[in-house]
Structures are given as structure tokens and as C-alpha cells.
Amino acid sequence: MADPEDFQAKLNILSDAYAAQLPEKIEQIEQAWSQLNRSEWDEAGFQTLHRMVHSLIGSGKMFGFALLSDVARNLEEYLKELAQAKTVKSEEQNKRVQVLLRELHQVAIHRDARV
């Protein structure tokens, strides 16, 4: 039978590695959002953005970042609304996504974001 302390130590190492990658993952999400065109709907770009955000939901929970997962879920839900409308991003939508991205940054840099 595996040693619970050894298992927890390995889990902590994986969680720390995940935490170290979060700033880059969030930067990639920000870049994907900024690259979306304001003059026409970009289905492929939007789907890429959605997948990146969706992956944070699952990986956040898996590595013990429940708050990060929750904030990513809020962003994903807003993105789903935009996807259903298939409208180019407006200034209002841009501001809303920027707020949610700032929240992602905040929870990613705080170690107490883990639960």
C-alpha cells in the first residue's frame, strides 16, 4: 500500500508545478482574447479561447485550485453567452472579459486560492 505522506508530497509537487505554469496559461488566454477580431466573428479563434478557459476549470480542481476553477467557470459561462450570439466583441464585452481575466490573475498568484 502506498504511503499517504509520500502520496501527499508528490501531489504537492504536482500542484506547485501547476501553479508555476498558471501565469503563462492565463497570458495565453489573454492573447487569444485580444486576437479576436472586432469586425467579424472568428469561430476558430473563439473555440480555441473557450478550450483554454475550459481546461482551467478541470485542471484547477484537479490540482487543488478550487477558486481558480470557479473564476474560470464564470469566464466560460460569459464566453458561452458570446458564442451563442456570435457577435464580434464590443467594448462592453471586452471590459467584462478583462475584469474576469484580472480575477484569474489574482487567484492564480495567491497560494490561498488552493482549497
PDB file of N, CA and C in Angstrom:
ATOM      1  N   MET A   1       0.843  -1.194   0.000  1.00  0.00           N
ATOM      2  CA  MET A   1       0.000   0.000   0.000  1.00  0.00           C
ATOM      3  C   MET A   1       0.882   1.249   0.000  1.00  0.00           C
ATOM      4  N   ALA A   2       0.476   2.243  -0.734  1.00  0.00           N
ATOM      5  CA  ALA A   2       1.252   3.477  -0.855  1.00  0.00           C
ATOM      6  C   ALA A   2       1.214   4.253   0.451  1.00  0.00           C
ATOM      7  N   ASP A   3       2.325   4.902   0.731  1.00  0.00           N
ATOM      8  CA  ASP A   3       2.450   5.734   1.924  1.00  0.00           C
ATOM      9  C   ASP A   3       1.678   7.033   1.699  1.00  0.00           C
ATOM     10  N   PRO A   4       0.685   7.344   2.546  1.00  0.00           N
ATOM     11  CA  PRO A   4      -0.111   8.566   2.352  1.00  0.00           C
ATOM     12  C   PRO A   4       0.727   9.843   2.370  1.00  0.00           C
ATOM     13  N   GLU A   5       1.769   9.880   3.194  1.00  0.00           N
ATOM     14  CA  GLU A   5       2.613  11.073   3.240  1.00  0.00           C
ATOM     15  C   GLU A   5       3.405  11.239   1.954  1.00  0.00           C
ATOM     16  N   ASP A   6       3.879  10.117   1.406  1.00  0.00           N
ATOM     17  CA  ASP A   6       4.608  10.155   0.139  1.00  0.00           C
ATOM     18  C   ASP A   6       3.679  10.608  -0.987  1.00  0.00           C
ATOM     19  N   PHE A   7       2.469  10.081  -0.978  1.00  0.00           N
ATOM     20  CA  PHE A   7       1.480  10.467  -1.977  1.00  0.00           C
ATOM     21  C   PHE A   7       1.188  11.962  -1.888  1.00  0.00           C
ATOM     22  N   GLN A   8       1.007  12.464  -0.675  1.00  0.00           N
ATOM     23  CA  GLN A   8       0.713  13.886  -0.495  1.00  0.00           C
ATOM     24  C   GLN A   8       1.886  14.752  -0.940  1.00  0.00           C
ATOM     25  N   ALA A   9       3.104  14.301  -0.674  1.00  0.00           N
ATOM     26  CA  ALA A   9       4.285  15.057  -1.096  1.00  0.00           C
ATOM     27  C   ALA A   9       4.346  15.140  -2.620  1.00  0.00           C
ATOM     28  N   LYS A  10       4.055  14.043  -3.298  1.00  0.00           N
ATOM     29  CA  LYS A  10       4.055  14.037  -4.762  1.00  0.00           C
ATOM     30  C   LYS A  10       2.942  14.931  -5.304  1.00  0.00           C
ATOM     31  N   LEU A  11       1.801  14.883  -4.657  1.00  0.00           N
ATOM     32  CA  LEU A  11       0.688  15.734  -5.066  1.00  0.00           C
ATOM     33  C   LEU A  11       1.048  17.213  -4.897  1.00  0.00           C
ATOM     34  N   ASN A  12       1.737  17.544  -3.827  1.00  0.00           N
ATOM     35  CA  ASN A  12       2.162  18.932  -3.598  1.00  0.00           C
ATOM     36  C   ASN A  12       3.149  19.395  -4.671  1.00  0.00           C
ATOM     37  N   ILE A  13       4.042  18.492  -5.094  1.00  0.00           N
ATOM     38  CA  ILE A  13       4.999  18.829  -6.146  1.00  0.00           C
ATOM     39  C   ILE A  13       4.258  19.127  -7.451  1.00  0.00           C
ATOM     40  N   LEU A  14       3.288  18.275  -7.782  1.00  0.00           N
ATOM     41  CA  LEU A  14       2.494  18.492  -8.996  1.00  0.00           C
ATOM     42  C   LEU A  14       1.699  19.794  -8.918  1.00  0.00           C
ATOM     43  N   SER A  15       1.147  20.057  -7.753  1.00  0.00           N
ATOM     44  CA  SER A  15       0.365  21.278  -7.564  1.00  0.00           C
ATOM     45  C   SER A  15       1.251  22.515  -7.698  1.00  0.00           C
ATOM     46  N   ASP A  16       2.455  22.450  -7.153  1.00  0.00           N
ATOM     47  CA  ASP A  16       3.389  23.575  -7.272  1.00  0.00           C
ATOM     48  C   ASP A  16       3.793  23.797  -8.728  1.00  0.00           C
ATOM     49  N   ALA A  17       4.011  22.705  -9.454  1.00  0.00           N
ATOM     50  CA  ALA A  17       4.361  22.821 -10.878  1.00  0.00           C
ATOM     51  C   ALA A  17       3.202  23.441 -11.655  1.00  0.00           C
ATOM     52  N   TYR A  18       1.997  23.039 -11.317  1.00  0.00           N
ATOM     53  CA  TYR A  18       0.812  23.610 -11.959  1.00  0.00           C
ATOM     54  C   TYR A  18       0.736  25.107 -11.668  1.00  0.00           C
ATOM     55  N   ALA A  19       0.944  25.468 -10.411  1.00  0.00           N
ATOM     56  CA  ALA A  19       0.895  26.880 -10.018  1.00  0.00           C
ATOM     57  C   ALA A  19       1.929  27.702 -10.780  1.00  0.00           C
ATOM     58  N   ALA A  20       3.098  27.126 -11.014  1.00  0.00           N
ATOM     59  CA  ALA A  20       4.156  27.843 -11.726  1.00  0.00           C
ATOM     60  C   ALA A  20       3.773  28.093 -13.185  1.00  0.00           C
ATOM     61  N   GLN A  21       2.932  27.236 -13.753  1.00  0.00           N
ATOM     62  CA  GLN A  21       2.527  27.384 -15.150  1.00  0.00           C
ATOM     63  C   GLN A  21       1.310  28.297 -15.330  1.00  0.00           C
ATOM     64  N   LEU A  22       0.629  28.613 -14.256  1.00  0.00           N
ATOM     65  CA  LEU A  22      -0.603  29.401 -14.360  1.00  0.00           C
ATOM     66  C   LEU A  22      -0.416  30.764 -15.027  1.00  0.00           C
ATOM     67  N   PRO A  23       0.604  31.530 -14.676  1.00  0.00           N
ATOM     68  CA  PRO A  23       0.742  32.838 -15.341  1.00  0.00           C
ATOM     69  C   PRO A  23       0.847  32.715 -16.860  1.00  0.00           C
ATOM     70  N   GLU A  24       1.565  31.719 -17.340  1.00  0.00           N
ATOM     71  CA  GLU A  24       1.690  31.526 -18.788  1.00  0.00           C
ATOM     72  C   GLU A  24       0.358  31.114 -19.405  1.00  0.00           C
ATOM     73  N   LYS A  25      -0.369  30.229 -18.728  1.00  0.00           N
ATOM     74  CA  LYS A  25      -1.670  29.793 -19.243  1.00  0.00           C
ATOM     75  C   LYS A  25      -2.636  30.970 -19.331  1.00  0.00           C
ATOM     76  N   ILE A  26      -2.640  31.806 -18.321  1.00  0.00           N
ATOM     77  CA  ILE A  26      -3.530  32.960 -18.317  1.00  0.00           C
ATOM     78  C   ILE A  26      -3.103  33.964 -19.384  1.00  0.00           C
ATOM     79  N   GLU A  27      -1.802  34.131 -19.571  1.00  0.00           N
ATOM     80  CA  GLU A  27      -1.296  35.008 -20.628  1.00  0.00           C
ATOM     81  C   GLU A  27      -1.754  34.512 -21.997  1.00  0.00           C
ATOM     82  N   GLN A  28      -1.738  33.210 -22.210  1.00  0.00           N
ATOM     83  CA  GLN A  28      -2.200  32.648 -23.482  1.00  0.00           C
ATOM     84  C   GLN A  28      -3.688  32.916 -23.698  1.00  0.00           C
ATOM     85  N   ILE A  29      -4.459  32.834 -22.628  1.00  0.00           N
ATOM     86  CA  ILE A  29      -5.892  33.133 -22.717  1.00  0.00           C
ATOM     87  C   ILE A  29      -6.089  34.607 -23.068  1.00  0.00           C
ATOM     88  N   GLU A  30      -5.316  35.476 -22.425  1.00  0.00           N
ATOM     89  CA  GLU A  30      -5.416  36.905 -22.723  1.00  0.00           C
ATOM     90  C   GLU A  30      -5.047  37.190 -24.181  1.00  0.00           C
ATOM     91  N   GLN A  31      -4.018  36.540 -24.671  1.00  0.00           N
ATOM     92  CA  GLN A  31      -3.611  36.741 -26.065  1.00  0.00           C
ATOM     93  C   GLN A  31      -4.690  36.250 -27.016  1.00  0.00           C
ATOM     94  N   ALA A  32      -5.290  35.103 -26.710  1.00  0.00           N
ATOM     95  CA  ALA A  32      -6.353  34.575 -27.569  1.00  0.00           C
ATOM     96  C   ALA A  32      -7.529  35.541 -27.612  1.00  0.00           C
ATOM     97  N   TRP A  33      -7.872  36.118 -26.463  1.00  0.00           N
ATOM     98  CA  TRP A  33      -8.965  37.094 -26.431  1.00  0.00           C
ATOM     99  C   TRP A  33      -8.608  38.342 -27.233  1.00  0.00           C
ATOM    100  N   SER A  34      -7.397  38.836 -27.050  1.00  0.00           N
ATOM    101  CA  SER A  34      -7.009  40.072 -27.736  1.00  0.00           C
ATOM    102  C   SER A  34      -6.913  39.876 -29.247  1.00  0.00           C
ATOM    103  N   GLN A  35      -6.670  38.661 -29.703  1.00  0.00           N
ATOM    104  CA  GLN A  35      -6.544  38.407 -31.133  1.00  0.00           C
ATOM    105  C   GLN A  35      -7.890  38.265 -31.841  1.00  0.00           C
ATOM    106  N   LEU A  36      -8.959  38.133 -31.066  1.00  0.00           N
ATOM    107  CA  LEU A  36     -10.265  38.045 -31.706  1.00  0.00           C
ATOM    108  C   LEU A  36     -10.580  39.364 -32.386  1.00  0.00           C
ATOM    109  N   ASN A  37     -11.058  39.257 -33.575  1.00  0.00           N
ATOM    110  CA  ASN A  37     -11.331  40.414 -34.422  1.00  0.00           C
ATOM    111  C   ASN A  37     -12.557  41.170 -33.918  1.00  0.00           C
ATOM    112  N   ARG A  38     -12.490  42.468 -34.007  1.00  0.00           N
ATOM    113  CA  ARG A  38     -13.637  43.296 -33.620  1.00  0.00           C
ATOM    114  C   ARG A  38     -14.566  43.585 -34.790  1.00  0.00           C
ATOM    115  N   SER A  39     -14.221  43.106 -35.979  1.00  0.00           N
ATOM    116  CA  SER A  39     -15.071  43.428 -37.122  1.00  0.00           C
ATOM    117  C   SER A  39     -15.845  42.231 -37.654  1.00  0.00           C
ATOM    118  N   GLU A  40     -15.431  41.018 -37.326  1.00  0.00           N
ATOM    119  CA  GLU A  40     -16.190  39.842 -37.769  1.00  0.00           C
ATOM    120  C   GLU A  40     -16.000  38.701 -36.777  1.00  0.00           C
ATOM    121  N   TRP A  41     -16.980  37.811 -36.746  1.00  0.00           N
ATOM    122  CA  TRP A  41     -16.962  36.677 -35.833  1.00  0.00           C
ATOM    123  C   TRP A  41     -15.877  35.686 -36.254  1.00  0.00           C
ATOM    124  N   ASP A  42     -15.073  35.234 -35.304  1.00  0.00           N
ATOM    125  CA  ASP A  42     -13.981  34.296 -35.562  1.00  0.00           C
ATOM    126  C   ASP A  42     -14.262  33.007 -34.786  1.00  0.00           C
ATOM    127  N   GLU A  43     -14.942  32.081 -35.418  1.00  0.00           N
ATOM    128  CA  GLU A  43     -15.352  30.842 -34.755  1.00  0.00           C
ATOM    129  C   GLU A  43     -14.152  30.029 -34.264  1.00  0.00           C
ATOM    130  N   ALA A  44     -13.157  29.858 -35.111  1.00  0.00           N
ATOM    131  CA  ALA A  44     -11.987  29.053 -34.728  1.00  0.00           C
ATOM    132  C   ALA A  44     -11.241  29.693 -33.559  1.00  0.00           C
ATOM    133  N   GLY A  45     -11.027  30.992 -33.629  1.00  0.00           N
ATOM    134  CA  GLY A  45     -10.345  31.685 -32.543  1.00  0.00           C
ATOM    135  C   GLY A  45     -11.128  31.626 -31.250  1.00  0.00           C
ATOM    136  N   PHE A  46     -12.437  31.758 -31.378  1.00  0.00           N
ATOM    137  CA  PHE A  46     -13.276  31.726 -30.189  1.00  0.00           C
ATOM    138  C   PHE A  46     -13.274  30.337 -29.561  1.00  0.00           C
ATOM    139  N   GLN A  47     -13.304  29.300 -30.383  1.00  0.00           N
ATOM    140  CA  GLN A  47     -13.279  27.928 -29.863  1.00  0.00           C
ATOM    141  C   GLN A  47     -11.952  27.630 -29.167  1.00  0.00           C
ATOM    142  N   THR A  48     -10.865  28.142 -29.711  1.00  0.00           N
ATOM    143  CA  THR A  48      -9.554  27.979 -29.067  1.00  0.00           C
ATOM    144  C   THR A  48      -9.565  28.633 -27.693  1.00  0.00           C
ATOM    145  N   LEU A  49     -10.060  29.854 -27.638  1.00  0.00           N
ATOM    146  CA  LEU A  49     -10.168  30.570 -26.363  1.00  0.00           C
ATOM    147  C   LEU A  49     -11.028  29.787 -25.379  1.00  0.00           C
ATOM    148  N   HIS A  50     -12.157  29.313 -25.828  1.00  0.00           N
ATOM    149  CA  HIS A  50     -13.066  28.570 -24.958  1.00  0.00           C
ATOM    150  C   HIS A  50     -12.394  27.313 -24.401  1.00  0.00           C
ATOM    151  N   ARG A  51     -11.688  26.589 -25.241  1.00  0.00           N
ATOM    152  CA  ARG A  51     -10.998  25.361 -24.779  1.00  0.00           C
ATOM    153  C   ARG A  51      -9.961  25.672 -23.712  1.00  0.00           C
ATOM    154  N   MET A  52      -9.220  26.747 -23.896  1.00  0.00           N
ATOM    155  CA  MET A  52      -8.193  27.110 -22.912  1.00  0.00           C
ATOM    156  C   MET A  52      -8.827  27.440 -21.564  1.00  0.00           C
ATOM    157  N   VAL A  53      -9.916  28.190 -21.595  1.00  0.00           N
ATOM    158  CA  VAL A  53     -10.603  28.549 -20.350  1.00  0.00           C
ATOM    159  C   VAL A  53     -11.205  27.299 -19.721  1.00  0.00           C
ATOM    160  N   HIS A  54     -11.828  26.463 -20.539  1.00  0.00           N
ATOM    161  CA  HIS A  54     -12.455  25.244 -20.023  1.00  0.00           C
ATOM    162  C   HIS A  54     -11.420  24.331 -19.354  1.00  0.00           C
ATOM    163  N   SER A  55     -10.233  24.263 -19.914  1.00  0.00           N
ATOM    164  CA  SER A  55      -9.210  23.400 -19.324  1.00  0.00           C
ATOM    165  C   SER A  55      -8.793  23.880 -17.937  1.00  0.00           C
ATOM    166  N   LEU A  56      -8.856  25.188 -17.693  1.00  0.00           N
ATOM    167  CA  LEU A  56      -8.534  25.708 -16.358  1.00  0.00           C
ATOM    168  C   LEU A  56      -9.554  25.252 -15.317  1.00  0.00           C
ATOM    169  N   ILE A  57     -10.776  25.076 -15.736  1.00  0.00           N
ATOM    170  CA  ILE A  57     -11.818  24.640 -14.794  1.00  0.00           C
ATOM    171  C   ILE A  57     -11.466  23.261 -14.243  1.00  0.00           C
ATOM    172  N   GLY A  58     -11.208  22.326 -15.136  1.00  0.00           N
ATOM    173  CA  GLY A  58     -10.896  20.964 -14.698  1.00  0.00           C
ATOM    174  C   GLY A  58      -9.549  20.844 -14.024  1.00  0.00           C
ATOM    175  N   SER A  59      -8.533  21.452 -14.618  1.00  0.00           N
ATOM    176  CA  SER A  59      -7.196  21.322 -14.034  1.00  0.00           C
ATOM    177  C   SER A  59      -7.104  22.063 -12.704  1.00  0.00           C
ATOM    178  N   GLY A  60      -7.811  23.180 -12.594  1.00  0.00           N
ATOM    179  CA  GLY A  60      -7.810  23.902 -11.317  1.00  0.00           C
ATOM    180  C   GLY A  60      -8.330  23.034 -10.187  1.00  0.00           C
ATOM    181  N   LYS A  61      -9.437  22.376 -10.426  1.00  0.00           N
ATOM    182  CA  LYS A  61      -9.996  21.492  -9.400  1.00  0.00           C
ATOM    183  C   LYS A  61      -9.059  20.323  -9.113  1.00  0.00           C
ATOM    184  N   MET A  62      -8.495  19.745 -10.169  1.00  0.00           N
ATOM    185  CA  MET A  62      -7.640  18.575 -10.012  1.00  0.00           C
ATOM    186  C   MET A  62      -6.414  18.888  -9.155  1.00  0.00           C
ATOM    187  N   PHE A  63      -5.852  20.081  -9.317  1.00  0.00           N
ATOM    188  CA  PHE A  63      -4.639  20.430  -8.598  1.00  0.00           C
ATOM    189  C   PHE A  63      -4.897  21.245  -7.331  1.00  0.00           C
ATOM    190  N   GLY A  64      -6.148  21.333  -6.937  1.00  0.00           N
ATOM    191  CA  GLY A  64      -6.473  21.971  -5.667  1.00  0.00           C
ATOM    192  C   GLY A  64      -6.683  23.461  -5.715  1.00  0.00           C
ATOM    193  N   PHE A  65      -6.965  24.002  -6.883  1.00  0.00           N
ATOM    194  CA  PHE A  65      -7.208  25.435  -7.030  1.00  0.00           C
ATOM    195  C   PHE A  65      -8.696  25.660  -7.309  1.00  0.00           C
ATOM    196  N   ALA A  66      -9.502  25.397  -6.316  1.00  0.00           N
ATOM    197  CA  ALA A  66     -10.952  25.472  -6.486  1.00  0.00           C
ATOM    198  C   ALA A  66     -11.409  26.883  -6.849  1.00  0.00           C
ATOM    199  N   LEU A  67     -10.828  27.893  -6.241  1.00  0.00           N
ATOM    200  CA  LEU A  67     -11.224  29.274  -6.530  1.00  0.00           C
ATOM    201  C   LEU A  67     -10.881  29.646  -7.970  1.00  0.00           C
ATOM    202  N   LEU A  68      -9.720  29.249  -8.431  1.00  0.00           N
ATOM    203  CA  LEU A  68      -9.338  29.477  -9.821  1.00  0.00           C
ATOM    204  C   LEU A  68     -10.348  28.813 -10.748  1.00  0.00           C
ATOM    205  N   SER A  69     -10.719  27.597 -10.420  1.00  0.00           N
ATOM    206  CA  SER A  69     -11.690  26.854 -11.212  1.00  0.00           C
ATOM    207  C   SER A  69     -13.025  27.600 -11.267  1.00  0.00           C
ATOM    208  N   ASP A  70     -13.445  28.139 -10.142  1.00  0.00           N
ATOM    209  CA  ASP A  70     -14.714  28.882 -10.086  1.00  0.00           C
ATOM    210  C   ASP A  70     -14.666  30.146 -10.951  1.00  0.00           C
ATOM    211  N   VAL A  71     -13.557  30.874 -10.873  1.00  0.00           N
ATOM    212  CA  VAL A  71     -13.433  32.095 -11.675  1.00  0.00           C
ATOM    213  C   VAL A  71     -13.382  31.739 -13.163  1.00  0.00           C
ATOM    214  N   ALA A  72     -12.665  30.674 -13.500  1.00  0.00           N
ATOM    215  CA  ALA A  72     -12.613  30.232 -14.895  1.00  0.00           C
ATOM    216  C   ALA A  72     -14.001  29.823 -15.375  1.00  0.00           C
ATOM    217  N   ARG A  73     -14.784  29.208 -14.501  1.00  0.00           N
ATOM    218  CA  ARG A  73     -16.151  28.825 -14.867  1.00  0.00           C
ATOM    219  C   ARG A  73     -16.992  30.067 -15.162  1.00  0.00           C
ATOM    220  N   ASN A  74     -16.833  31.113 -14.363  1.00  0.00           N
ATOM    221  CA  ASN A  74     -17.562  32.359 -14.618  1.00  0.00           C
ATOM    222  C   ASN A  74     -17.197  32.928 -15.988  1.00  0.00           C
ATOM    223  N   LEU A  75     -15.900  32.888 -16.307  1.00  0.00           N
ATOM    224  CA  LEU A  75     -15.453  33.368 -17.612  1.00  0.00           C
ATOM    225  C   LEU A  75     -16.017  32.494 -18.725  1.00  0.00           C
ATOM    226  N   GLU A  76     -15.990  31.191 -18.524  1.00  0.00           N
ATOM    227  CA  GLU A  76     -16.518  30.282 -19.542  1.00  0.00           C
ATOM    228  C   GLU A  76     -18.009  30.533 -19.786  1.00  0.00           C
ATOM    229  N   GLU A  77     -18.766  30.738 -18.724  1.00  0.00           N
ATOM    230  CA  GLU A  77     -20.196  30.986 -18.881  1.00  0.00           C
ATOM    231  C   GLU A  77     -20.443  32.268 -19.674  1.00  0.00           C
ATOM    232  N   TYR A  78     -19.643  33.294 -19.413  1.00  0.00           N
ATOM    233  CA  TYR A  78     -19.798  34.534 -20.169  1.00  0.00           C
ATOM    234  C   TYR A  78     -19.417  34.311 -21.640  1.00  0.00           C
ATOM    235  N   LEU A  79     -18.350  33.565 -21.864  1.00  0.00           N
ATOM    236  CA  LEU A  79     -17.933  33.272 -23.235  1.00  0.00           C
ATOM    237  C   LEU A  79     -19.000  32.472 -23.975  1.00  0.00           C
ATOM    238  N   LYS A  80     -19.688  31.583 -23.268  1.00  0.00           N
ATOM    239  CA  LYS A  80     -20.771  30.820 -23.901  1.00  0.00           C
ATOM    240  C   LYS A  80     -21.885  31.742 -24.370  1.00  0.00           C
ATOM    241  N   GLU A  81     -22.178  32.760 -23.563  1.00  0.00           N
ATOM    242  CA  GLU A  81     -23.189  33.741 -23.971  1.00  0.00           C
ATOM    243  C   GLU A  81     -22.762  34.440 -25.256  1.00  0.00           C
ATOM    244  N   LEU A  82     -21.492  34.817 -25.321  1.00  0.00           N
ATOM    245  CA  LEU A  82     -20.987  35.489 -26.516  1.00  0.00           C
ATOM    246  C   LEU A  82     -21.014  34.548 -27.716  1.00  0.00           C
ATOM    247  N   ALA A  83     -20.701  33.285 -27.483  1.00  0.00           N
ATOM    248  CA  ALA A  83     -20.679  32.307 -28.576  1.00  0.00           C
ATOM    249  C   ALA A  83     -22.073  32.080 -29.140  1.00  0.00           C
ATOM    250  N   GLN A  84     -23.061  32.082 -28.269  1.00  0.00           N
ATOM    251  CA  GLN A  84     -24.429  31.886 -28.749  1.00  0.00           C
ATOM    252  C   GLN A  84     -24.868  33.054 -29.616  1.00  0.00           C
ATOM    253  N   ALA A  85     -24.452  34.251 -29.251  1.00  0.00           N
ATOM    254  CA  ALA A  85     -24.831  35.442 -30.014  1.00  0.00           C
ATOM    255  C   ALA A  85     -24.003  35.576 -31.293  1.00  0.00           C
ATOM    256  N   LYS A  86     -22.792  34.999 -31.275  1.00  0.00           N
ATOM    257  CA  LYS A  86     -21.875  35.084 -32.421  1.00  0.00           C
ATOM    258  C   LYS A  86     -21.692  36.520 -32.902  1.00  0.00           C
ATOM    259  N   THR A  87     -21.508  37.395 -31.954  1.00  0.00           N
ATOM    260  CA  THR A  87     -21.265  38.793 -32.302  1.00  0.00           C
ATOM    261  C   THR A  87     -19.803  39.122 -32.046  1.00  0.00           C
ATOM    262  N   VAL A  88     -19.288  40.055 -32.812  1.00  0.00           N
ATOM    263  CA  VAL A  88     -17.914  40.498 -32.582  1.00  0.00           C
ATOM    264  C   VAL A  88     -17.843  41.181 -31.227  1.00  0.00           C
ATOM    265  N   LYS A  89     -16.654  41.172 -30.646  1.00  0.00           N
ATOM    266  CA  LYS A  89     -16.549  41.716 -29.298  1.00  0.00           C
ATOM    267  C   LYS A  89     -16.707  43.234 -29.287  1.00  0.00           C
ATOM    268  N   SER A  90     -17.541  43.673 -28.375  1.00  0.00           N
ATOM    269  CA  SER A  90     -17.781  45.101 -28.201  1.00  0.00           C
ATOM    270  C   SER A  90     -16.887  45.605 -27.072  1.00  0.00           C
ATOM    271  N   GLU A  91     -16.873  46.893 -26.890  1.00  0.00           N
ATOM    272  CA  GLU A  91     -16.087  47.476 -25.794  1.00  0.00           C
ATOM    273  C   GLU A  91     -16.612  46.989 -24.445  1.00  0.00           C
ATOM    274  N   GLU A  92     -17.925  46.903 -24.316  1.00  0.00           N
ATOM    275  CA  GLU A  92     -18.521  46.419 -23.060  1.00  0.00           C
ATOM    276  C   GLU A  92     -18.116  44.971 -22.788  1.00  0.00           C
ATOM    277  N   GLN A  93     -18.169  44.135 -23.807  1.00  0.00           N
ATOM    278  CA  GLN A  93     -17.774  42.732 -23.649  1.00  0.00           C
ATOM    279  C   GLN A  93     -16.287  42.636 -23.318  1.00  0.00           C
ATOM    280  N   ASN A  94     -15.498  43.448 -23.968  1.00  0.00           N
ATOM    281  CA  ASN A  94     -14.067  43.463 -23.701  1.00  0.00           C
ATOM    282  C   ASN A  94     -13.785  43.823 -22.252  1.00  0.00           C
ATOM    283  N   LYS A  95     -14.481  44.826 -21.745  1.00  0.00           N
ATOM    284  CA  LYS A  95     -14.284  45.227 -20.349  1.00  0.00           C
ATOM    285  C   LYS A  95     -14.672  44.104 -19.394  1.00  0.00           C
ATOM    286  N   ARG A  96     -15.771  43.429 -19.665  1.00  0.00           N
ATOM    287  CA  ARG A  96     -16.226  42.321 -18.805  1.00  0.00           C
ATOM    288  C   ARG A  96     -15.207  41.183 -18.798  1.00  0.00           C
ATOM    289  N   VAL A  97     -14.704  40.833 -19.964  1.00  0.00           N
ATOM    290  CA  VAL A  97     -13.703  39.762 -20.031  1.00  0.00           C
ATOM    291  C   VAL A  97     -12.421  40.203 -19.330  1.00  0.00           C
ATOM    292  N   GLN A  98     -12.033  41.455 -19.475  1.00  0.00           N
ATOM    293  CA  GLN A  98     -10.827  41.943 -18.803  1.00  0.00           C
ATOM    294  C   GLN A  98     -10.963  41.844 -17.286  1.00  0.00           C
ATOM    295  N   VAL A  99     -12.136  42.135 -16.766  1.00  0.00           N
ATOM    296  CA  VAL A  99     -12.376  42.006 -15.320  1.00  0.00           C
ATOM    297  C   VAL A  99     -12.202  40.552 -14.897  1.00  0.00           C
ATOM    298  N   LEU A 100     -12.779  39.645 -15.661  1.00  0.00           N
ATOM    299  CA  LEU A 100     -12.673  38.224 -15.327  1.00  0.00           C
ATOM    300  C   LEU A 100     -11.231  37.723 -15.463  1.00  0.00           C
ATOM    301  N   LEU A 101     -10.508  38.230 -16.431  1.00  0.00           N
ATOM    302  CA  LEU A 101      -9.103  37.844 -16.570  1.00  0.00           C
ATOM    303  C   LEU A 101      -8.265  38.368 -15.402  1.00  0.00           C
ATOM    304  N   ARG A 102      -8.563  39.571 -14.938  1.00  0.00           N
ATOM    305  CA  ARG A 102      -7.870  40.092 -13.753  1.00  0.00           C
ATOM    306  C   ARG A 102      -8.153  39.223 -12.531  1.00  0.00           C
ATOM    307  N   GLU A 103      -9.393  38.770 -12.413  1.00  0.00           N
ATOM    308  CA  GLU A 103      -9.735  37.867 -11.314  1.00  0.00           C
ATOM    309  C   GLU A 103      -8.933  36.576 -11.421  1.00  0.00           C
ATOM    310  N   LEU A 104      -8.787  36.043 -12.622  1.00  0.00           N
ATOM    311  CA  LEU A 104      -7.974  34.834 -12.812  1.00  0.00           C
ATOM    312  C   LEU A 104      -6.546  35.082 -12.349  1.00  0.00           C
ATOM    313  N   HIS A 105      -5.970  36.207 -12.748  1.00  0.00           N
ATOM    314  CA  HIS A 105      -4.615  36.558 -12.312  1.00  0.00           C
ATOM    315  C   HIS A 105      -4.529  36.597 -10.790  1.00  0.00           C
ATOM    316  N   GLN A 106      -5.483  37.245 -10.175  1.00  0.00           N
ATOM    317  CA  GLN A 106      -5.452  37.404  -8.722  1.00  0.00           C
ATOM    318  C   GLN A 106      -5.504  36.070  -8.001  1.00  0.00           C
ATOM    319  N   VAL A 107      -6.390  35.199  -8.415  1.00  0.00           N
ATOM    320  CA  VAL A 107      -6.489  33.919  -7.712  1.00  0.00           C
ATOM    321  C   VAL A 107      -5.312  33.009  -8.050  1.00  0.00           C
ATOM    322  N   ALA A 108      -4.716  33.195  -9.208  1.00  0.00           N
ATOM    323  CA  ALA A 108      -3.573  32.359  -9.599  1.00  0.00           C
ATOM    324  C   ALA A 108      -2.328  32.679  -8.777  1.00  0.00           C
ATOM    325  N   ILE A 109      -2.163  33.938  -8.395  1.00  0.00           N
ATOM    326  CA  ILE A 109      -0.934  34.310  -7.677  1.00  0.00           C
ATOM    327  C   ILE A 109      -1.035  34.120  -6.163  1.00  0.00           C
ATOM    328  N   HIS A 110      -2.219  33.901  -5.665  1.00  0.00           N
ATOM    329  CA  HIS A 110      -2.385  33.705  -4.230  1.00  0.00           C
ATOM    330  C   HIS A 110      -2.397  32.236  -3.883  1.00  0.00           C
ATOM    331  N   ARG A 111      -1.507  31.829  -3.030  1.00  0.00           N
ATOM    332  CA  ARG A 111      -1.427  30.431  -2.636  1.00  0.00           C
ATOM    333  C   ARG A 111      -2.680  29.986  -1.900  1.00  0.00           C
ATOM    334  N   ASP A 112      -3.399  30.918  -1.296  1.00  0.00           N
ATOM    335  CA  ASP A 112      -4.635  30.536  -0.580  1.00  0.00           C
ATOM    336  C   ASP A 112      -5.786  30.290  -1.547  1.00  0.00           C
ATOM    337  N   ALA A 113      -5.511  30.354  -2.846  1.00  0.00           N
ATOM    338  CA  ALA A 113      -6.542  30.007  -3.828  1.00  0.00           C
ATOM    339  C   ALA A 113      -6.773  28.497  -3.842  1.00  0.00           C
ATOM    340  N   ARG A 114      -5.844  27.785  -3.243  1.00  0.00           N
ATOM    341  CA  ARG A 114      -5.996  26.335  -3.149  1.00  0.00           C
ATOM    342  C   ARG A 114      -6.927  25.999  -2.002  1.00  0.00           C
ATOM    343  N   VAL A 115      -7.722  24.993  -2.233  1.00  0.00           N
ATOM    344  CA  VAL A 115      -8.619  24.510  -1.169  1.00  0.00           C
ATOM    345  C   VAL A 115      -8.440  23.030  -1.028  1.00  0.00           C
TER     346      VAL A 115
END
